[in-house]
């Protein structure tokens, strides 16, 4: 969760820098604007790399059973993905504007690859993270309403390998 908070801070930094660049892009100092665009793209590349590491660590922790609050961690990651995606879109638009102004950035290709990768990671995350689905919750409630639920005490006894008849009342 700390990593996600740091990453969201980096996202805000990128968004602020894009805003500053856009406010000055018609300025008569093209060398500063090109350098600024390059700096923003490089910071965004670093941010996207960090995002990949954070989500890789989250998947490893999930598989290892190290995440106590899975839904909370998932919500944090979702907010972070959403913020990083929004920033990547803003940087992509800034990059297109810079290229229209004649600024050539060698980092543009790498940025586009990383931005596409971010979209793929986010789609995978949203599909695979164990968030409860509305239809699954509704089906579960309906099933329980039909009396198809398992008594919690029986379930715990079963998990402990005990016969439900042996459990204390």
Foldseek 3Di string as FASTA:
>chain_A
DVLLVVLLVLLVVLVVLLVVLVVCVVPPPLVVSLVSLQVSLVSLLVSLVSLVVVVVVVVVCVVVVNDPCLVVVLVSNLVSLVSSLVSLVSSLVSVVVNVVVVRDHPCNVVSVVSSVVSVVVSVCSVVPRPDDDPVNVVVVVVCVVVVNDDDPLCVVCVVVVHHSVPDDD
